[in-house]
Amino acid sequence: MNRIPDIDAFEERAAIAEYDGGLSRSEAENLAAKAQGFADADAYWQWLADYVVNRKVP
């Protein structure tokens, strides 16, 4: 993936899906991650972790 994730958009979309959409937090985060082109929330968080550890875009 060449795009840099938008953390604010991820958190906002997940919160809306959870509270207004009735999804679990896990389901809401998966939805938010997919909206940014990730397979799921695990892939999203892994991208961010790799970025922090390596200090460069994966």
PDB file of N, CA and C in Angstrom:
ATOM      1  N   MET A   1       0.848  -1.175   0.000  1.00  0.00           N
ATOM      2  CA  MET A   1       0.000   0.000   0.000  1.00  0.00           C
ATOM      3  C   MET A   1       0.889   1.232   0.000  1.00  0.00           C
ATOM      4  N   ASN A   2       0.576   2.169  -0.852  1.00  0.00           N
ATOM      5  CA  ASN A   2       1.361   3.391  -0.950  1.00  0.00           C
ATOM      6  C   ASN A   2       0.706   4.583  -0.271  1.00  0.00           C
ATOM      7  N   ARG A   3      -0.558   4.433   0.102  1.00  0.00           N
ATOM      8  CA  ARG A   3      -1.251   5.537   0.766  1.00  0.00           C
ATOM      9  C   ARG A   3      -0.925   5.560   2.249  1.00  0.00           C
ATOM     10  N   ILE A   4      -0.874   6.753   2.790  1.00  0.00           N
ATOM     11  CA  ILE A   4      -0.684   6.900   4.231  1.00  0.00           C
ATOM     12  C   ILE A   4      -2.066   6.942   4.868  1.00  0.00           C
ATOM     13  N   PRO A   5      -2.318   6.097   5.860  1.00  0.00           N
ATOM     14  CA  PRO A   5      -3.634   6.060   6.489  1.00  0.00           C
ATOM     15  C   PRO A   5      -4.000   7.393   7.141  1.00  0.00           C
ATOM     16  N   ASP A   6      -5.279   7.693   7.107  1.00  0.00           N
ATOM     17  CA  ASP A   6      -5.811   8.884   7.756  1.00  0.00           C
ATOM     18  C   ASP A   6      -6.395   8.428   9.094  1.00  0.00           C
ATOM     19  N   ILE A   7      -5.650   8.642  10.162  1.00  0.00           N
ATOM     20  CA  ILE A   7      -6.042   8.146  11.483  1.00  0.00           C
ATOM     21  C   ILE A   7      -7.333   8.801  11.958  1.00  0.00           C
ATOM     22  N   ASP A   8      -7.474  10.093  11.733  1.00  0.00           N
ATOM     23  CA  ASP A   8      -8.695  10.781  12.164  1.00  0.00           C
ATOM     24  C   ASP A   8      -9.928  10.216  11.454  1.00  0.00           C
ATOM     25  N   ALA A   9      -9.816  10.003  10.150  1.00  0.00           N
ATOM     26  CA  ALA A   9     -10.941   9.455   9.396  1.00  0.00           C
ATOM     27  C   ALA A   9     -11.251   8.033   9.847  1.00  0.00           C
ATOM     28  N   PHE A  10     -10.214   7.260  10.128  1.00  0.00           N
ATOM     29  CA  PHE A  10     -10.405   5.887  10.614  1.00  0.00           C
ATOM     30  C   PHE A  10     -11.175   5.886  11.923  1.00  0.00           C
ATOM     31  N   GLU A  11     -10.730   6.684  12.873  1.00  0.00           N
ATOM     32  CA  GLU A  11     -11.377   6.730  14.188  1.00  0.00           C
ATOM     33  C   GLU A  11     -12.815   7.231  14.087  1.00  0.00           C
ATOM     34  N   GLU A  12     -13.035   8.253  13.268  1.00  0.00           N
ATOM     35  CA  GLU A  12     -14.382   8.795  13.127  1.00  0.00           C
ATOM     36  C   GLU A  12     -15.324   7.782  12.490  1.00  0.00           C
ATOM     37  N   ARG A  13     -14.885   7.153  11.408  1.00  0.00           N
ATOM     38  CA  ARG A  13     -15.735   6.170  10.729  1.00  0.00           C
ATOM     39  C   ARG A  13     -16.041   4.998  11.649  1.00  0.00           C
ATOM     40  N   ALA A  14     -15.017   4.528  12.379  1.00  0.00           N
ATOM     41  CA  ALA A  14     -15.233   3.404  13.291  1.00  0.00           C
ATOM     42  C   ALA A  14     -16.219   3.776  14.398  1.00  0.00           C
ATOM     43  N   ALA A  15     -16.085   4.973  14.939  1.00  0.00           N
ATOM     44  CA  ALA A  15     -16.990   5.406  16.013  1.00  0.00           C
ATOM     45  C   ALA A  15     -18.427   5.506  15.519  1.00  0.00           C
ATOM     46  N   ILE A  16     -18.617   6.070  14.344  1.00  0.00           N
ATOM     47  CA  ILE A  16     -19.962   6.196  13.789  1.00  0.00           C
ATOM     48  C   ILE A  16     -20.558   4.817  13.533  1.00  0.00           C
ATOM     49  N   ALA A  17     -19.768   3.934  12.935  1.00  0.00           N
ATOM     50  CA  ALA A  17     -20.263   2.579  12.644  1.00  0.00           C
ATOM     51  C   ALA A  17     -20.597   1.827  13.921  1.00  0.00           C
ATOM     52  N   GLU A  18     -19.819   2.058  14.967  1.00  0.00           N
ATOM     53  CA  GLU A  18     -20.060   1.367  16.238  1.00  0.00           C
ATOM     54  C   GLU A  18     -21.309   1.917  16.934  1.00  0.00           C
ATOM     55  N   TYR A  19     -21.360   3.210  17.111  1.00  0.00           N
ATOM     56  CA  TYR A  19     -22.429   3.795  17.922  1.00  0.00           C
ATOM     57  C   TYR A  19     -23.729   4.007  17.160  1.00  0.00           C
ATOM     58  N   ASP A  20     -23.637   4.471  15.932  1.00  0.00           N
ATOM     59  CA  ASP A  20     -24.853   4.693  15.149  1.00  0.00           C
ATOM     60  C   ASP A  20     -25.270   3.453  14.363  1.00  0.00           C
ATOM     61  N   GLY A  21     -24.277   2.668  13.964  1.00  0.00           N
ATOM     62  CA  GLY A  21     -24.565   1.497  13.143  1.00  0.00           C
ATOM     63  C   GLY A  21     -24.781   0.219  13.924  1.00  0.00           C
ATOM     64  N   GLY A  22     -24.457   0.249  15.220  1.00  0.00           N
ATOM     65  CA  GLY A  22     -24.673  -0.919  16.055  1.00  0.00           C
ATOM     66  C   GLY A  22     -23.667  -2.034  15.868  1.00  0.00           C
ATOM     67  N   LEU A  23     -22.546  -1.742  15.230  1.00  0.00           N
ATOM     68  CA  LEU A  23     -21.518  -2.766  15.040  1.00  0.00           C
ATOM     69  C   LEU A  23     -20.660  -2.895  16.298  1.00  0.00           C
ATOM     70  N   SER A  24     -20.017  -4.034  16.453  1.00  0.00           N
ATOM     71  CA  SER A  24     -19.032  -4.175  17.528  1.00  0.00           C
ATOM     72  C   SER A  24     -17.832  -3.308  17.167  1.00  0.00           C
ATOM     73  N   ARG A  25     -16.986  -3.029  18.140  1.00  0.00           N
ATOM     74  CA  ARG A  25     -15.800  -2.202  17.857  1.00  0.00           C
ATOM     75  C   ARG A  25     -14.928  -2.866  16.803  1.00  0.00           C
ATOM     76  N   SER A  26     -14.778  -4.176  16.899  1.00  0.00           N
ATOM     77  CA  SER A  26     -13.969  -4.917  15.930  1.00  0.00           C
ATOM     78  C   SER A  26     -14.545  -4.804  14.517  1.00  0.00           C
ATOM     79  N   GLU A  27     -15.840  -4.993  14.387  1.00  0.00           N
ATOM     80  CA  GLU A  27     -16.492  -4.875  13.080  1.00  0.00           C
ATOM     81  C   GLU A  27     -16.377  -3.453  12.545  1.00  0.00           C
ATOM     82  N   ALA A  28     -16.536  -2.482  13.419  1.00  0.00           N
ATOM     83  CA  ALA A  28     -16.460  -1.082  13.007  1.00  0.00           C
ATOM     84  C   ALA A  28     -15.054  -0.723  12.532  1.00  0.00           C
ATOM     85  N   GLU A  29     -14.036  -1.210  13.232  1.00  0.00           N
ATOM     86  CA  GLU A  29     -12.657  -0.934  12.810  1.00  0.00           C
ATOM     87  C   GLU A  29     -12.340  -1.637  11.490  1.00  0.00           C
ATOM     88  N   ASN A  30     -12.855  -2.846  11.297  1.00  0.00           N
ATOM     89  CA  ASN A  30     -12.645  -3.521  10.014  1.00  0.00           C
ATOM     90  C   ASN A  30     -13.268  -2.716   8.880  1.00  0.00           C
ATOM     91  N   LEU A  31     -14.465  -2.203   9.095  1.00  0.00           N
ATOM     92  CA  LEU A  31     -15.139  -1.380   8.098  1.00  0.00           C
ATOM     93  C   LEU A  31     -14.316  -0.128   7.787  1.00  0.00           C
ATOM     94  N   ALA A  32     -13.837   0.538   8.823  1.00  0.00           N
ATOM     95  CA  ALA A  32     -13.051   1.763   8.641  1.00  0.00           C
ATOM     96  C   ALA A  32     -11.737   1.476   7.922  1.00  0.00           C
ATOM     97  N   ALA A  33     -11.115   0.357   8.238  1.00  0.00           N
ATOM     98  CA  ALA A  33      -9.866  -0.014   7.574  1.00  0.00           C
ATOM     99  C   ALA A  33     -10.097  -0.313   6.096  1.00  0.00           C
ATOM    100  N   LYS A  34     -11.165  -1.030   5.803  1.00  0.00           N
ATOM    101  CA  LYS A  34     -11.483  -1.355   4.412  1.00  0.00           C
ATOM    102  C   LYS A  34     -11.779  -0.099   3.606  1.00  0.00           C
ATOM    103  N   ALA A  35     -12.359   0.909   4.244  1.00  0.00           N
ATOM    104  CA  ALA A  35     -12.649   2.169   3.560  1.00  0.00           C
ATOM    105  C   ALA A  35     -11.374   2.875   3.119  1.00  0.00           C
ATOM    106  N   GLN A  36     -10.260   2.545   3.764  1.00  0.00           N
ATOM    107  CA  GLN A  36      -8.977   3.147   3.400  1.00  0.00           C
ATOM    108  C   GLN A  36      -8.113   2.190   2.575  1.00  0.00           C
ATOM    109  N   GLY A  37      -8.690   1.072   2.161  1.00  0.00           N
ATOM    110  CA  GLY A  37      -7.973   0.168   1.267  1.00  0.00           C
ATOM    111  C   GLY A  37      -7.222  -0.964   1.941  1.00  0.00           C
ATOM    112  N   PHE A  38      -7.412  -1.144   3.226  1.00  0.00           N
ATOM    113  CA  PHE A  38      -6.763  -2.238   3.947  1.00  0.00           C
ATOM    114  C   PHE A  38      -7.688  -3.449   3.974  1.00  0.00           C
ATOM    115  N   ALA A  39      -7.107  -4.627   4.143  1.00  0.00           N
ATOM    116  CA  ALA A  39      -7.897  -5.858   4.194  1.00  0.00           C
ATOM    117  C   ALA A  39      -8.789  -5.893   5.425  1.00  0.00           C
ATOM    118  N   ASP A  40      -8.261  -5.410   6.548  1.00  0.00           N
ATOM    119  CA  ASP A  40      -9.007  -5.389   7.804  1.00  0.00           C
ATOM    120  C   ASP A  40      -8.262  -4.507   8.800  1.00  0.00           C
ATOM    121  N   ALA A  41      -8.795  -4.410  10.012  1.00  0.00           N
ATOM    122  CA  ALA A  41      -8.183  -3.550  11.023  1.00  0.00           C
ATOM    123  C   ALA A  41      -6.794  -4.035  11.419  1.00  0.00           C
ATOM    124  N   ASP A  42      -6.585  -5.344  11.437  1.00  0.00           N
ATOM    125  CA  ASP A  42      -5.252  -5.858  11.777  1.00  0.00           C
ATOM    126  C   ASP A  42      -4.206  -5.358  10.787  1.00  0.00           C
ATOM    127  N   ALA A  43      -4.547  -5.362   9.508  1.00  0.00           N
ATOM    128  CA  ALA A  43      -3.614  -4.871   8.487  1.00  0.00           C
ATOM    129  C   ALA A  43      -3.377  -3.373   8.652  1.00  0.00           C
ATOM    130  N   TYR A  44      -4.406  -2.636   9.004  1.00  0.00           N
ATOM    131  CA  TYR A  44      -4.284  -1.194   9.239  1.00  0.00           C
ATOM    132  C   TYR A  44      -3.325  -0.912  10.390  1.00  0.00           C
ATOM    133  N   TRP A  45      -3.583  -1.574  11.540  1.00  0.00           N
ATOM    134  CA  TRP A  45      -2.735  -1.346  12.720  1.00  0.00           C
ATOM    135  C   TRP A  45      -1.311  -1.832  12.484  1.00  0.00           C
ATOM    136  N   GLN A  46      -1.142  -2.905  11.703  1.00  0.00           N
ATOM    137  CA  GLN A  46       0.210  -3.396  11.406  1.00  0.00           C
ATOM    138  C   GLN A  46       0.973  -2.384  10.566  1.00  0.00           C
ATOM    139  N   TRP A  47       0.293  -1.759   9.598  1.00  0.00           N
ATOM    140  CA  TRP A  47       0.923  -0.734   8.766  1.00  0.00           C
ATOM    141  C   TRP A  47       1.423   0.400   9.650  1.00  0.00           C
ATOM    142  N   LEU A  48       0.562   0.848  10.573  1.00  0.00           N
ATOM    143  CA  LEU A  48       0.959   1.941  11.463  1.00  0.00           C
ATOM    144  C   LEU A  48       2.120   1.533  12.373  1.00  0.00           C
ATOM    145  N   ALA A  49       2.094   0.310  12.894  1.00  0.00           N
ATOM    146  CA  ALA A  49       3.178  -0.170  13.759  1.00  0.00           C
ATOM    147  C   ALA A  49       4.490  -0.213  12.987  1.00  0.00           C
ATOM    148  N   ASP A  50       4.445  -0.715  11.760  1.00  0.00           N
ATOM    149  CA  ASP A  50       5.661  -0.769  10.937  1.00  0.00           C
ATOM    150  C   ASP A  50       6.190   0.626  10.663  1.00  0.00           C
ATOM    151  N   TYR A  51       5.295   1.560  10.444  1.00  0.00           N
ATOM    152  CA  TYR A  51       5.694   2.946  10.198  1.00  0.00           C
ATOM    153  C   TYR A  51       6.403   3.525  11.427  1.00  0.00           C
ATOM    154  N   VAL A  52       5.858   3.308  12.584  1.00  0.00           N
ATOM    155  CA  VAL A  52       6.445   3.847  13.823  1.00  0.00           C
ATOM    156  C   VAL A  52       7.810   3.223  14.078  1.00  0.00           C
ATOM    157  N   VAL A  53       7.920   1.929  13.919  1.00  0.00           N
ATOM    158  CA  VAL A  53       9.174   1.227  14.210  1.00  0.00           C
ATOM    159  C   VAL A  53      10.263   1.599  13.197  1.00  0.00           C
ATOM    160  N   ASN A  54       9.899   1.644  11.918  1.00  0.00           N
ATOM    161  CA  ASN A  54      10.900   1.859  10.859  1.00  0.00           C
ATOM    162  C   ASN A  54      11.086   3.327  10.477  1.00  0.00           C
ATOM    163  N   ARG A  55      10.175   4.175  10.934  1.00  0.00           N
ATOM    164  CA  ARG A  55      10.225   5.617  10.644  1.00  0.00           C
ATOM    165  C   ARG A  55      10.243   5.927   9.156  1.00  0.00           C
ATOM    166  N   LYS A  56       9.543   5.077   8.394  1.00  0.00           N
ATOM    167  CA  LYS A  56       9.375   5.330   6.975  1.00  0.00           C
ATOM    168  C   LYS A  56       8.112   4.619   6.500  1.00  0.00           C
ATOM    169  N   VAL A  57       7.584   5.069   5.387  1.00  0.00           N
ATOM    170  CA  VAL A  57       6.367   4.472   4.839  1.00  0.00           C
ATOM    171  C   VAL A  57       6.700   3.067   4.342  1.00  0.00           C
ATOM    172  N   PRO A  58       5.942   2.074   4.850  1.00  0.00           N
ATOM    173  CA  PRO A  58       6.216   0.687   4.425  1.00  0.00           C
ATOM    174  C   PRO A  58       5.973   0.485   2.948  1.00  0.00           C
TER     175      PRO A  58
END
